[in-house]
Protein backbone atom coordinates (compact mmCIF):
# COMPACT_ATOMS: atom_id res chain seq x y z
CA UNK A 1 -7.13 9.82 -9.29
CA UNK A 2 -7.62 13.57 -9.13
CA UNK A 3 -11.04 14.63 -9.58
CA UNK A 4 -9.43 17.62 -11.68
CA UNK A 5 -8.25 15.78 -13.92
CA UNK A 6 -11.21 14.45 -16.18
CA UNK A 7 -11.80 18.01 -17.22
CA UNK A 8 -8.78 17.52 -19.28
CA UNK A 9 -8.85 13.41 -20.52
CA UNK A 10 -8.81 14.86 -24.01
CA UNK A 11 -6.03 17.38 -23.43
CA UNK A 12 -2.35 16.95 -23.62
CA UNK A 13 -0.29 16.00 -21.08
CA UNK A 14 0.76 19.28 -19.63
CA UNK A 15 -2.70 20.45 -18.71
CA UNK A 16 -3.56 17.24 -17.52
CA UNK A 17 -0.22 17.35 -15.38
CA UNK A 18 -1.07 20.86 -14.23
CA UNK A 19 -4.55 19.71 -13.05
CA UNK A 20 -3.72 17.19 -10.79
CA UNK A 21 -1.10 19.10 -9.14
CA UNK A 22 -3.85 21.44 -8.63
CA UNK A 23 -5.98 18.63 -6.84
CA UNK A 24 -3.63 16.61 -5.67
CA UNK A 25 -0.94 18.95 -4.53
CA UNK A 26 0.50 19.96 -1.21
CA UNK A 27 -1.67 23.61 -1.89
CA UNK A 28 -4.47 21.79 -1.68
CA UNK A 29 -3.88 19.72 2.28
CA UNK A 30 -5.37 21.29 5.28
CA UNK A 31 -1.66 20.64 6.29
CA UNK A 32 -0.51 23.36 4.14
CA UNK A 33 -3.31 25.42 4.29
CA UNK A 34 -2.63 25.43 7.93
CA UNK A 35 0.65 27.04 7.66
CA UNK A 36 -0.61 30.09 5.77
CA UNK A 37 -1.74 31.56 8.42
CA UNK A 38 1.37 30.72 11.00
CA UNK A 39 1.91 33.82 12.28
CA UNK A 40 1.39 35.75 15.71
CA UNK A 41 -0.24 34.99 18.62
CA UNK A 42 -3.00 32.94 16.68
CA UNK A 43 -0.75 30.86 14.37
CA UNK A 44 -2.54 27.72 13.33
CA UNK A 45 0.60 25.92 13.73
CA UNK A 46 3.26 26.29 16.42
CA UNK A 47 7.09 26.62 15.98
CA UNK A 48 7.33 22.77 17.18
CA UNK A 49 5.07 21.68 14.40
CA UNK A 50 7.13 23.84 11.90
CA UNK A 51 9.81 21.93 13.11
CA UNK A 52 8.42 18.69 12.87
CA UNK A 53 7.44 19.55 9.06
CA UNK A 54 11.12 20.11 8.36
CA UNK A 55 12.59 17.06 9.86
CA UNK A 56 10.36 15.03 7.87
CA UNK A 57 10.70 17.05 5.08
CA UNK A 58 13.93 17.01 4.86
CA UNK A 59 13.93 12.62 5.34
CA UNK A 60 12.12 12.90 2.20
CA UNK A 61 14.07 15.28 0.40
CA UNK A 62 17.12 16.02 2.05
CA UNK A 63 19.51 13.66 1.19
CA UNK A 64 21.54 13.42 -2.55
CA UNK A 65 21.23 12.46 -5.04
CA UNK A 66 16.69 13.43 -5.19
CA UNK A 67 14.24 12.69 -7.17
CA UNK A 68 14.97 15.09 -9.88
CA UNK A 69 19.58 14.01 -9.80
CA UNK A 70 17.89 9.90 -10.52
CA UNK A 71 15.52 11.29 -13.39
CA UNK A 72 18.61 13.32 -14.89
CA UNK A 73 20.12 9.84 -15.22
CA UNK A 74 17.51 7.73 -16.27
CA UNK A 75 16.20 11.03 -19.45
CA UNK A 76 17.05 10.61 -22.93
CA UNK A 77 14.61 13.69 -24.07
CA UNK A 78 16.70 16.04 -24.98
CA UNK A 79 13.81 17.97 -24.54
CA UNK A 80 14.89 17.91 -21.16
CA UNK A 81 18.25 18.54 -20.87
CA UNK A 82 18.83 22.03 -20.03
CA UNK A 83 15.40 21.81 -17.82
CA UNK A 84 17.25 18.98 -15.65
CA UNK A 85 20.55 20.51 -15.63
CA UNK A 86 18.47 24.33 -14.17
CA UNK A 87 16.45 21.91 -11.91
CA UNK A 88 19.33 19.54 -10.14
CA UNK A 89 21.32 23.00 -9.63
CA UNK A 90 18.28 24.64 -8.10
CA UNK A 91 17.27 21.56 -6.08
CA UNK A 92 20.58 20.88 -4.84
CA UNK A 93 20.49 24.67 -3.51
CA UNK A 94 17.09 24.02 -2.09
CA UNK A 95 18.29 21.06 -0.19
CA UNK A 96 21.10 22.70 1.17
CA UNK A 97 18.11 25.70 2.69
CA UNK A 98 15.90 22.89 3.95
CA UNK A 99 18.78 21.91 5.38
CA UNK A 100 19.50 25.06 7.47
CA UNK A 101 16.17 25.51 8.27
CA UNK A 102 15.71 22.23 9.77
CA UNK A 103 19.12 23.15 12.10
CA UNK A 104 17.92 26.29 12.43
CA UNK A 105 13.73 25.51 13.97
CA UNK A 106 15.91 22.77 16.20
CA UNK A 107 14.91 18.93 16.69
CA UNK A 108 11.35 17.17 15.85
CA UNK A 109 9.30 17.64 19.36
CA UNK A 110 8.95 14.42 21.00
CA UNK A 111 5.75 12.69 20.14
CA UNK A 112 3.63 9.38 20.72
CA UNK A 113 4.88 6.79 17.69
CA UNK A 114 7.74 8.61 16.61
CA UNK A 115 9.94 5.99 16.06
CA UNK A 116 6.47 4.36 13.94
CA UNK A 117 6.17 7.73 12.03
CA UNK A 118 10.57 7.46 10.74
CA UNK A 119 9.55 4.13 9.23
CA UNK A 120 6.64 5.69 7.03
CA UNK A 121 8.65 8.50 5.85
CA UNK A 122 11.86 6.75 5.00
CA UNK A 123 9.04 4.01 3.34
CA UNK A 124 8.23 7.02 1.46
CA UNK A 125 11.53 7.81 0.78
CA UNK A 126 12.27 4.63 -0.77
CA UNK A 127 9.09 4.63 -2.87
CA UNK A 128 10.73 7.76 -4.73
CA UNK A 129 13.92 6.65 -5.06
CA UNK A 130 12.59 3.57 -6.84
CA UNK A 131 9.95 5.86 -9.14
CA UNK A 132 12.69 8.04 -9.78
CA UNK A 133 15.26 4.84 -11.32
CA UNK A 134 11.89 3.99 -12.95
CA UNK A 135 13.34 2.34 -16.75
CA UNK A 136 9.48 3.17 -17.82
CA UNK A 137 9.99 5.99 -20.08
CA UNK A 138 8.08 9.14 -18.95
CA UNK A 139 7.97 7.65 -15.24
CA UNK A 140 10.77 9.65 -13.45
CA UNK A 141 10.55 12.83 -15.62
CA UNK A 142 7.03 12.73 -14.07
CA UNK A 143 7.72 12.50 -10.72
CA UNK A 144 10.77 15.01 -11.41
CA UNK A 145 8.44 17.85 -12.79
CA UNK A 146 5.74 16.97 -10.57
CA UNK A 147 8.06 17.67 -7.54
CA UNK A 148 9.23 20.91 -9.22
CA UNK A 149 5.65 22.28 -9.51
CA UNK A 150 4.68 21.45 -6.16
CA UNK A 151 7.49 22.59 -4.71
CA UNK A 152 6.30 26.10 -4.46
CA UNK A 153 3.80 25.02 -2.07
CA UNK A 154 6.35 23.08 -0.25
CA UNK A 155 8.51 26.22 0.00
CA UNK A 156 6.22 28.28 1.17
CA UNK A 157 5.62 26.35 4.22
CA UNK A 158 9.91 26.28 4.66
CA UNK A 159 9.71 30.09 4.80
CA UNK A 160 7.32 30.47 6.84
CA UNK A 161 9.43 28.05 9.45
CA UNK A 162 12.68 30.51 8.42
CA UNK A 163 10.87 33.51 9.18
CA UNK A 164 9.65 31.85 12.39
CA UNK A 165 13.13 31.78 13.32
CA UNK A 166 14.96 34.71 12.05
CA UNK A 167 16.51 33.48 8.97
CA UNK A 168 16.07 35.22 5.65
CA UNK A 169 14.50 33.01 2.80
CA UNK A 170 16.68 33.40 -0.31
CA UNK A 171 15.10 33.18 -3.98
CA UNK A 172 14.11 29.99 -5.51
CA UNK A 173 15.80 29.17 -9.04
CA UNK A 174 13.55 26.21 -9.65
CA UNK A 175 12.08 26.11 -13.31
CA UNK A 176 8.60 28.00 -13.42
CA UNK A 177 5.51 26.30 -13.91
CA UNK A 178 5.56 27.61 -18.01
CA UNK A 179 8.97 26.67 -18.17
CA UNK A 180 8.10 22.89 -16.53
CA UNK A 181 4.98 22.43 -18.27
CA UNK A 182 6.64 23.47 -21.43
CA UNK A 183 8.78 20.16 -20.88
CA UNK A 184 5.88 17.89 -20.37
CA UNK A 185 4.39 19.26 -23.32
CA UNK A 186 7.66 18.60 -25.59
CA UNK A 187 8.26 15.41 -24.32
CA UNK A 188 4.81 13.61 -24.46
CA UNK A 189 2.80 13.26 -27.26
CA UNK A 190 2.84 9.78 -26.76
CA UNK A 191 0.11 7.17 -25.04
CA UNK A 192 2.58 5.20 -23.30
CA UNK A 193 4.77 8.00 -22.11
CA UNK A 194 1.92 10.45 -21.04
CA UNK A 195 0.98 7.62 -19.10
CA UNK A 196 4.20 7.70 -17.33
CA UNK A 197 4.53 10.68 -16.82
CA UNK A 198 0.87 10.76 -14.89
CA UNK A 199 1.90 8.29 -13.47
CA UNK A 200 5.15 9.35 -12.26
CA UNK A 201 3.54 12.66 -11.01
CA UNK A 202 0.79 11.36 -9.25
CA UNK A 203 2.98 9.29 -7.25
CA UNK A 204 4.87 11.64 -6.54
CA UNK A 205 2.17 13.88 -4.89
CA UNK A 206 1.12 10.71 -2.92
CA UNK A 207 4.19 10.45 -1.17
CA UNK A 208 3.89 14.22 0.13
CA UNK A 209 0.08 14.13 1.10
CA UNK A 210 0.72 11.03 2.86
CA UNK A 211 3.72 12.87 4.35
CA UNK A 212 1.39 16.19 5.56
CA UNK A 213 -0.98 13.00 6.80
CA UNK A 214 1.33 12.04 8.95
CA UNK A 215 2.55 15.49 10.24
CA UNK A 216 -1.05 16.23 10.36
CA UNK A 217 -1.71 13.58 13.19
CA UNK A 218 1.59 14.21 15.05
CA UNK A 219 0.41 17.93 15.40
CA UNK A 220 -3.21 16.64 16.86
CA UNK A 221 -1.50 14.14 19.25
CA UNK A 222 0.53 17.07 20.52
CA UNK A 223 -2.57 19.45 20.54
CA UNK A 224 -4.28 16.94 23.11
CA UNK A 225 -1.63 15.92 24.93
CA UNK A 226 -1.38 20.11 26.27
CA UNK A 227 -4.95 20.05 26.88
């Protein structure tokens, strides 16, 4: 459980979800922090690291249908419909951008344990599919909202990779933080649904952190090999 969540345990579900993303999301992971300084001669992540990131991120989120697409077929909440339409359309464009960046930066670098890593990420993808197709009301929406909230940090890393190979990043049209949290507040309020929303959100973030753990370990293996 995130350390930030208890601060909002008596607040509404949108506050808790925001706190969980802040504490356990991509932006707080060491791999993402390294991406923030990946320009110039002292870049923390090499182009090979960024190619690795794009390749495995494409394995996780590059296929259709994805988390948001599944959530759109599961949600019966009228308050979420317009958000889901916008998020589904926008993430289709994000998926295309992810594919474009993955092709531009080149193949994932050869690294010891390659097949094991691909198996791990494939299992993560399967876990996300199951999560986003859950019949537990609120679970799929929690995963979808956490993805949209966390994607800003993911997108920052993609943009760095794009710029490194001369691509111009395009605007991200996903619903913004305020819109997403407003939907969480609108569909929440019931303890059972709130718990499901937070479960879905936390599980999505766990899979993201698992991906960054894999990529960080792979980068360390390559760095040791190059010494």
